[in-house]
C-alpha atoms as a PDB file:
ATOM      1  CA  MET A   1     -17.823-111.180  64.259  1.00  0.00           C
ATOM      2  CA  PHE A   2     -17.462-111.317  60.445  1.00  0.00           C
ATOM      3  CA  LYS A   3     -16.142-114.298  58.538  1.00  0.00           C
ATOM      4  CA  ASN A   4     -14.196-111.998  56.224  1.00  0.00           C
ATOM      5  CA  ARG A   5     -14.428-108.658  54.357  1.00  0.00           C
ATOM      6  CA  GLU A   6     -16.569-110.262  51.626  1.00  0.00           C
ATOM      7  CA  GLU A   7     -19.248-111.313  54.102  1.00  0.00           C
ATOM      8  CA  ALA A   8     -19.189-107.851  55.628  1.00  0.00           C
ATOM      9  CA  GLY A   9     -19.782-106.327  52.183  1.00  0.00           C
ATOM     10  CA  ARG A  10     -22.700-108.625  51.423  1.00  0.00           C
ATOM     11  CA  ARG A  11     -24.274-107.710  54.775  1.00  0.00           C
ATOM     12  CA  LEU A  12     -23.894-103.997  53.965  1.00  0.00           C
ATOM     13  CA  VAL A  13     -25.642-104.590  50.592  1.00  0.00           C
ATOM     14  CA  GLU A  14     -28.747-105.559  52.621  1.00  0.00           C
ATOM     15  CA  ARG A  15     -28.754-102.082  54.237  1.00  0.00           C
ATOM     16  CA  LEU A  16     -28.229-100.227  51.045  1.00  0.00           C
ATOM     17  CA  THR A  17     -30.692-101.844  48.645  1.00  0.00           C
ATOM     18  CA  ARG A  18     -32.466 -98.493  47.973  1.00  0.00           C
ATOM     19  CA  TYR A  19     -29.459 -97.401  45.992  1.00  0.00           C
ATOM     20  CA  ARG A  20     -29.459-100.505  43.732  1.00  0.00           C
ATOM     21  CA  ASP A  21     -29.289 -99.540  40.023  1.00  0.00           C
ATOM     22  CA  ASP A  22     -29.282 -95.802  41.000  1.00  0.00           C
ATOM     23  CA  PRO A  23     -27.726 -94.078  37.951  1.00  0.00           C
ATOM     24  CA  THR A  24     -26.437 -91.227  40.123  1.00  0.00           C
ATOM     25  CA  ALA A  25     -24.721 -93.442  42.686  1.00  0.00           C
ATOM     26  CA  VAL A  26     -21.057 -94.529  42.881  1.00  0.00           C
ATOM     27  CA  ILE A  27     -19.068 -96.523  45.391  1.00  0.00           C
ATOM     28  CA  VAL A  28     -15.679 -95.240  46.477  1.00  0.00           C
ATOM     29  CA  ALA A  29     -13.663 -97.526  48.687  1.00  0.00           C
ATOM     30  CA  LEU A  30     -10.656 -96.817  50.884  1.00  0.00           C
ATOM     31  CA  PRO A  31      -7.766 -99.081  49.824  1.00  0.00           C
ATOM     32  CA  ARG A  32      -6.652-101.509  50.497  1.00  0.00           C
ATOM     33  CA  GLY A  33      -9.116-103.476  52.750  1.00  0.00           C
ATOM     34  CA  GLY A  34     -12.108-101.361  51.964  1.00  0.00           C
ATOM     35  CA  VAL A  35     -11.941-102.299  48.243  1.00  0.00           C
ATOM     36  CA  ALA A  36     -12.742-105.960  49.131  1.00  0.00           C
ATOM     37  CA  VAL A  37     -15.866-104.730  50.942  1.00  0.00           C
ATOM     38  CA  GLY A  38     -16.696-102.283  48.148  1.00  0.00           C
ATOM     39  CA  TYR A  39     -16.427-104.992  45.490  1.00  0.00           C
ATOM     40  CA  GLN A  40     -19.288-106.917  47.160  1.00  0.00           C
ATOM     41  CA  LEU A  41     -21.314-103.684  47.265  1.00  0.00           C
ATOM     42  CA  SER A  42     -20.648-103.129  43.548  1.00  0.00           C
ATOM     43  CA  LEU A  43     -21.825-106.631  42.724  1.00  0.00           C
ATOM     44  CA  GLY A  44     -24.868-106.485  44.933  1.00  0.00           C
ATOM     45  CA  LEU A  45     -26.043-102.957  44.063  1.00  0.00           C
ATOM     46  CA  HIS A  46     -24.901-102.906  40.374  1.00  0.00           C
ATOM     47  CA  LEU A  47     -22.968 -99.697  40.907  1.00  0.00           C
ATOM     48  CA  PRO A  48     -19.511 -98.574  39.671  1.00  0.00           C
ATOM     49  CA  LEU A  49     -16.584 -98.991  42.060  1.00  0.00           C
ATOM     50  CA  ASP A  50     -13.584 -96.767  42.421  1.00  0.00           C
ATOM     51  CA  VAL A  51     -11.119 -95.913  45.110  1.00  0.00           C
ATOM     52  CA  PHE A  52     -10.438 -92.818  47.183  1.00  0.00           C
ATOM     53  CA  ILE A  53      -6.817 -92.924  48.248  1.00  0.00           C
ATOM     54  CA  THR A  54      -6.155 -91.712  51.696  1.00  0.00           C
ATOM     55  CA  ARG A  55      -2.963 -92.220  53.722  1.00  0.00           C
ATOM     56  CA  LYS A  56      -2.536 -92.211  57.430  1.00  0.00           C
ATOM     57  CA  LEU A  57      -0.034 -89.787  59.020  1.00  0.00           C
ATOM     58  CA  GLY A  58       1.813 -91.931  61.619  1.00  0.00           C
ATOM     59  CA  ALA A  59       3.169 -90.659  64.897  1.00  0.00           C
ATOM     60  CA  PRO A  60       6.990 -90.229  65.182  1.00  0.00           C
ATOM     61  CA  ASP A  61       7.539 -93.173  67.508  1.00  0.00           C
ATOM     62  CA  ASN A  62       4.581 -95.313  66.379  1.00  0.00           C
ATOM     63  CA  PRO A  63       3.719 -95.179  62.604  1.00  0.00           C
ATOM     64  CA  GLU A  64       0.561 -97.276  63.274  1.00  0.00           C
ATOM     65  CA  TYR A  65      -0.847 -94.509  65.541  1.00  0.00           C
ATOM     66  CA  ALA A  66      -2.653 -91.973  63.376  1.00  0.00           C
ATOM     67  CA  LEU A  67      -1.999 -88.299  63.928  1.00  0.00           C
ATOM     68  CA  GLY A  68      -4.358 -87.734  61.004  1.00  0.00           C
ATOM     69  CA  ALA A  69      -4.544 -88.497  57.262  1.00  0.00           C
ATOM     70  CA  VAL A  70      -4.188 -86.935  53.912  1.00  0.00           C
ATOM     71  CA  GLY A  71      -6.583 -87.495  50.940  1.00  0.00           C
ATOM     72  CA  GLU A  72      -5.740 -87.675  47.268  1.00  0.00           C
ATOM     73  CA  THR A  73      -7.415 -84.372  46.537  1.00  0.00           C
ATOM     74  CA  GLY A  74      -5.107 -82.678  49.031  1.00  0.00           C
ATOM     75  CA  THR A  75      -7.310 -82.430  52.072  1.00  0.00           C
ATOM     76  CA  ILE A  76      -5.390 -82.968  55.343  1.00  0.00           C
ATOM     77  CA  TYR A  77      -7.208 -84.110  58.537  1.00  0.00           C
ATOM     78  CA  LEU A  78      -5.319 -83.807  61.812  1.00  0.00           C
ATOM     79  CA  ASN A  79      -6.635 -85.467  64.952  1.00  0.00           C
ATOM     80  CA  PRO A  80      -6.550 -82.618  67.582  1.00  0.00           C
ATOM     81  CA  GLU A  81      -6.184 -85.029  70.492  1.00  0.00           C
ATOM     82  CA  ALA A  82      -3.342 -86.989  68.883  1.00  0.00           C
ATOM     83  CA  MET A  83      -1.536 -83.804  67.878  1.00  0.00           C
ATOM     84  CA  ALA A  84      -1.852 -82.435  71.389  1.00  0.00           C
ATOM     85  CA  THR A  85      -0.571 -85.605  72.859  1.00  0.00           C
ATOM     86  CA  TYR A  86       2.678 -85.363  70.897  1.00  0.00           C
ATOM     87  CA  GLY A  87       2.821 -81.589  71.137  1.00  0.00           C
ATOM     88  CA  LEU A  88       2.971 -81.174  67.338  1.00  0.00           C
ATOM     89  CA  SER A  89       1.816 -78.415  65.041  1.00  0.00           C
ATOM     90  CA  ARG A  90       0.780 -78.674  61.397  1.00  0.00           C
ATOM     91  CA  SER A  91       4.216 -77.634  60.188  1.00  0.00           C
ATOM     92  CA  ASP A  92       5.836 -80.445  62.284  1.00  0.00           C
ATOM     93  CA  VAL A  93       4.089 -83.069  60.153  1.00  0.00           C
ATOM     94  CA  ALA A  94       4.813 -81.437  56.790  1.00  0.00           C
ATOM     95  CA  GLY A  95       7.521 -84.002  55.991  1.00  0.00           C
ATOM     96  CA  VAL A  96       5.237 -86.908  56.747  1.00  0.00           C
ATOM     97  CA  VAL A  97       2.503 -85.389  54.618  1.00  0.00           C
ATOM     98  CA  GLN A  98       4.917 -85.081  51.694  1.00  0.00           C
ATOM     99  CA  VAL A  99       5.957 -88.725  51.933  1.00  0.00           C
ATOM    100  CA  GLN A 100       2.321 -89.925  52.028  1.00  0.00           C
ATOM    101  CA  GLN A 101       1.416 -87.643  49.073  1.00  0.00           C
ATOM    102  CA  GLN A 102       4.130 -89.407  47.059  1.00  0.00           C
ATOM    103  CA  GLU A 103       2.648 -92.739  48.027  1.00  0.00           C
ATOM    104  CA  ILE A 104      -0.797 -91.489  46.974  1.00  0.00           C
ATOM    105  CA  ALA A 105       0.585 -90.571  43.513  1.00  0.00           C
ATOM    106  CA  ARG A 106       2.090 -94.061  43.163  1.00  0.00           C
ATOM    107  CA  ARG A 107      -1.179 -95.718  44.052  1.00  0.00           C
ATOM    108  CA  GLN A 108      -3.174 -93.427  41.732  1.00  0.00           C
ATOM    109  CA  ASP A 109      -1.055 -94.648  38.792  1.00  0.00           C
ATOM    110  CA  LEU A 110      -1.183 -98.270  39.902  1.00  0.00           C
ATOM    111  CA  TYR A 111      -4.860 -98.573  40.830  1.00  0.00           C
ATOM    112  CA  ARG A 112      -6.484 -96.462  38.153  1.00  0.00           C
ATOM    113  CA  GLN A 113      -4.335 -97.593  35.191  1.00  0.00           C
ATOM    114  CA  GLY A 114      -4.983 -94.465  33.186  1.00  0.00           C
ATOM    115  CA  ARG A 115      -8.637 -94.058  34.270  1.00  0.00           C
ATOM    116  CA  GLN A 116      -9.648 -90.598  35.483  1.00  0.00           C
ATOM    117  CA  PHE A 117     -10.797 -89.828  38.967  1.00  0.00           C
ATOM    118  CA  PRO A 118     -14.614 -90.270  39.014  1.00  0.00           C
ATOM    119  CA  THR A 119     -16.877 -87.325  38.894  1.00  0.00           C
ATOM    120  CA  LEU A 120     -18.548 -87.079  42.312  1.00  0.00           C
ATOM    121  CA  THR A 121     -20.308 -83.712  42.061  1.00  0.00           C
ATOM    122  CA  ASP A 122     -24.107 -84.024  42.393  1.00  0.00           C
ATOM    123  CA  ARG A 123     -23.862 -87.791  42.790  1.00  0.00           C
ATOM    124  CA  VAL A 124     -24.771 -90.179  45.612  1.00  0.00           C
ATOM    125  CA  VAL A 125     -21.368 -91.265  46.913  1.00  0.00           C
ATOM    126  CA  ILE A 126     -21.101 -94.413  49.089  1.00  0.00           C
ATOM    127  CA  LEU A 127     -17.815 -94.214  50.989  1.00  0.00           C
ATOM    128  CA  VAL A 128     -16.667 -97.681  52.121  1.00  0.00           C
ATOM    129  CA  ASP A 129     -13.978 -99.091  54.396  1.00  0.00           C
ATOM    130  CA  ASP A 130     -13.466-102.424  56.150  1.00  0.00           C
ATOM    131  CA  GLY A 131     -13.813-100.727  59.535  1.00  0.00           C
ATOM    132  CA  ILE A 132     -12.652 -97.705  61.468  1.00  0.00           C
ATOM    133  CA  ALA A 133     -10.667 -97.306  64.688  1.00  0.00           C
ATOM    134  CA  THR A 134      -9.495 -93.718  65.144  1.00  0.00           C
ATOM    135  CA  GLY A 135     -11.347 -92.792  61.976  1.00  0.00           C
ATOM    136  CA  SER A 136      -8.581 -90.548  60.641  1.00  0.00           C
ATOM    137  CA  THR A 137      -8.488 -91.941  57.111  1.00  0.00           C
ATOM    138  CA  PHE A 138     -12.311 -92.074  56.882  1.00  0.00           C
ATOM    139  CA  PHE A 139     -12.564 -88.442  58.125  1.00  0.00           C
ATOM    140  CA  ALA A 140      -9.988 -87.234  55.623  1.00  0.00           C
ATOM    141  CA  ALA A 141     -11.764 -88.980  52.798  1.00  0.00           C
ATOM    142  CA  ALA A 142     -15.198 -87.659  53.819  1.00  0.00           C
ATOM    143  CA  GLN A 143     -13.918 -84.112  54.078  1.00  0.00           C
ATOM    144  CA  SER A 144     -12.174 -84.369  50.737  1.00  0.00           C
ATOM    145  CA  ILE A 145     -15.285 -85.690  49.055  1.00  0.00           C
ATOM    146  CA  ARG A 146     -17.425 -82.951  50.687  1.00  0.00           C
ATOM    147  CA  HIS A 147     -15.363 -80.388  48.876  1.00  0.00           C
ATOM    148  CA  LEU A 148     -16.404 -82.065  45.563  1.00  0.00           C
ATOM    149  CA  ARG A 149     -20.076 -81.283  46.399  1.00  0.00           C
ATOM    150  CA  PRO A 150     -21.748 -84.663  46.122  1.00  0.00           C
ATOM    151  CA  HIS A 151     -25.567 -84.698  46.217  1.00  0.00           C
ATOM    152  CA  ARG A 152     -25.398 -87.090  49.182  1.00  0.00           C
ATOM    153  CA  LEU A 153     -22.550 -88.786  50.983  1.00  0.00           C
ATOM    154  CA  ILE A 154     -23.178 -92.163  52.571  1.00  0.00           C
ATOM    155  CA  GLY A 155     -20.713 -93.927  54.846  1.00  0.00           C
ATOM    156  CA  ALA A 156     -20.756 -97.763  54.850  1.00  0.00           C
ATOM    157  CA  ILE A 157     -18.698 -99.377  57.615  1.00  0.00           C
ATOM    158  CA  PRO A 158     -18.840-102.976  58.959  1.00  0.00           C
ATOM    159  CA  VAL A 159     -17.457-102.219  62.419  1.00  0.00           C
ATOM    160  CA  GLY A 160     -16.097 -99.486  64.661  1.00  0.00           C
ATOM    161  CA  PRO A 161     -16.080 -98.168  68.211  1.00  0.00           C
ATOM    162  CA  MET A 162     -19.071 -96.153  69.278  1.00  0.00           C
ATOM    163  CA  GLU A 163     -17.016 -93.022  70.124  1.00  0.00           C
ATOM    164  CA  THR A 164     -15.591 -92.921  66.546  1.00  0.00           C
ATOM    165  CA  ILE A 165     -18.909 -93.803  64.977  1.00  0.00           C
ATOM    166  CA  ARG A 166     -20.473 -90.769  66.661  1.00  0.00           C
ATOM    167  CA  LYS A 167     -17.822 -88.504  65.117  1.00  0.00           C
ATOM    168  CA  ALA A 168     -18.205 -90.272  61.741  1.00  0.00           C
ATOM    169  CA  CYS A 169     -21.952 -89.553  61.766  1.00  0.00           C
ATOM    170  CA  MET A 170     -21.145 -85.846  61.622  1.00  0.00           C
ATOM    171  CA  GLN A 171     -18.944 -86.253  58.498  1.00  0.00           C
ATOM    172  CA  VAL A 172     -21.650 -87.801  56.319  1.00  0.00           C
ATOM    173  CA  ASP A 173     -25.286 -87.478  55.437  1.00  0.00           C
ATOM    174  CA  GLU A 174     -25.932 -91.079  56.497  1.00  0.00           C
ATOM    175  CA  LEU A 175     -23.846 -93.716  58.148  1.00  0.00           C
ATOM    176  CA  ILE A 176     -24.506 -97.444  57.861  1.00  0.00           C
ATOM    177  CA  VAL A 177     -22.662 -99.475  60.509  1.00  0.00           C
ATOM    178  CA  LEU A 178     -23.148-103.152  61.189  1.00  0.00           C
ATOM    179  CA  ALA A 179     -21.459-103.492  64.594  1.00  0.00           C
ATOM    180  CA  THR A 180     -20.134-101.322  67.423  1.00  0.00           C
ATOM    181  CA  PRO A 181     -18.557-103.823  69.819  1.00  0.00           C
ATOM    182  CA  ASP A 182     -17.550-102.793  73.311  1.00  0.00           C
ATOM    183  CA  PRO A 183     -14.687-103.175  74.128  1.00  0.00           C
ATOM    184  CA  PHE A 184     -13.216-102.427  70.757  1.00  0.00           C
ATOM    185  CA  TRP A 185      -9.527-103.257  70.332  1.00  0.00           C
ATOM    186  CA  ALA A 186      -8.812-103.240  66.599  1.00  0.00           C
ATOM    187  CA  VAL A 187     -10.742-103.664  63.340  1.00  0.00           C
ATOM    188  CA  GLY A 188      -9.080-107.053  62.579  1.00  0.00           C
ATOM    189  CA  ASN A 189     -10.181-108.488  65.893  1.00  0.00           C
ATOM    190  CA  HIS A 190     -13.722-108.613  64.591  1.00  0.00           C
ATOM    191  CA  PHE A 191     -12.964-110.715  61.481  1.00  0.00           C
ATOM    192  CA  LEU A 192     -12.138-114.455  61.492  1.00  0.00           C
ATOM    193  CA  ASP A 193     -10.128-113.826  58.268  1.00  0.00           C
ATOM    194  CA  PHE A 194      -8.505-110.401  58.066  1.00  0.00           C
ATOM    195  CA  ALA A 195      -5.657-111.298  55.617  1.00  0.00           C
ATOM    196  CA  GLN A 196      -3.820-108.359  54.114  1.00  0.00           C
ATOM    197  CA  VAL A 197      -5.143-107.013  50.808  1.00  0.00           C
ATOM    198  CA  SER A 198      -2.320-106.377  48.304  1.00  0.00           C
ATOM    199  CA  ASP A 199      -2.020-103.715  45.623  1.00  0.00           C
ATOM    200  CA  HIS A 200      -2.561-106.545  43.099  1.00  0.00           C
ATOM    201  CA  ASP A 201      -5.789-107.514  44.845  1.00  0.00           C
ATOM    202  CA  VAL A 202      -7.091-103.948  44.670  1.00  0.00           C
ATOM    203  CA  VAL A 203      -6.452-103.761  40.915  1.00  0.00           C
ATOM    204  CA  GLU A 204      -8.147-107.168  40.465  1.00  0.00           C
ATOM    205  CA  TYR A 205     -11.200-106.005  42.460  1.00  0.00           C
ATOM    206  CA  LEU A 206     -11.544-102.857  40.412  1.00  0.00           C
ATOM    207  CA  ASN A 207     -11.205-104.645  37.092  1.00  0.00           C
ATOM    208  CA  LEU A 208     -13.651-107.387  38.087  1.00  0.00           C
ATOM    209  CA  ALA A 209     -16.186-104.827  39.295  1.00  0.00           C
ATOM    210  CA  GLU A 210     -16.004-102.963  36.007  1.00  0.00           C
ATOM    211  CA  GLU A 211     -16.398-106.143  34.052  1.00  0.00           C
ATOM    212  CA  SER A 212     -19.355-107.273  36.158  1.00  0.00           C
ATOM    213  CA  LEU A 213     -21.094-103.954  35.757  1.00  0.00           C
ATOM    214  CA  LEU A 214     -20.659-104.018  31.929  1.00  0.00           C
ATOM    215  CA  GLU A 215     -22.110-107.525  31.883  1.00  0.00           C
ATOM    216  CA  TRP A 216     -25.034-106.480  33.987  1.00  0.00           C
ATOM    217  CA  LYS A 217     -25.758-103.532  31.676  1.00  0.00           C
ATOM    218  CA  GLU A 218     -25.583-105.792  28.613  1.00  0.00           C
ATOM    219  CA  ARG A 219     -28.161-108.120  30.136  1.00  0.00           C
ATOM    220  CA  ARG A 220     -30.392-105.169  30.744  1.00  0.00           C
ATOM    221  CA  PRO A 221     -30.127-103.078  27.505  1.00  0.00           C
ATOM    222  CA  SER A 222     -33.208-101.045  28.390  1.00  0.00           C
ATOM    223  CA  SER A 223     -31.782 -99.808  31.665  1.00  0.00           C
ATOM    224  CA  THR A 224     -30.754 -96.210  32.082  1.00  0.00           C
ATOM    225  CA  ALA A 225     -27.126 -95.661  31.310  1.00  0.00           C
ATOM    226  CA  LEU A 226     -24.817 -94.779  34.180  1.00  0.00           C
ATOM    227  CA  PRO A 227     -22.980 -91.429  34.021  1.00  0.00           C
ATOM    228  CA  PRO A 228     -19.384 -91.580  32.871  1.00  0.00           C
ATOM    229  CA  ARG A 229     -16.796 -92.327  35.584  1.00  0.00           C
END
């Protein structure tokens, strides 16, 4: 059980210290909850923080049940079991995909505030979320990032069910997981405080991470400069 997302992030820092101050490394967090975790990683590892926007594709009668997900670079992941359960094909979810792509565009403008999508090619990319259940959004993000040819893709997850964790291990070069409780009901059940993270919070976390990294670099003028984001 975690106190909150911030504590989970600090505990992940302890497992990722080998990447501290790595000039090739960047943290990309899944909004919204993953950004609160990623912020603590950014502070603890002195690495830049950005988002990778991925949207769940909800089932027709249950929007919270993920049929799959779409990433901001256009990659679509469909859960074969979920699609079979509902007897749906890829074309059947085209309308849902379009709606979520529109939401992705809105969040890109809001979260990045004119900043460009970070360069991930040949970099160590640490992909962060506050937990995974079905794994659809994480899988879509991982597959999207793979297409950008990172040097190494690291997953950092506080909690998830073992079945999904096994699948997630196949999507990344390395997966750091703090807890795999059994039974697993929902991500939020494993946090004492799992308050909703707002769009405003995401923007604040990103701005604070950028400010903190600049201050750190100013205190260490002889350190190797990080590549542009």
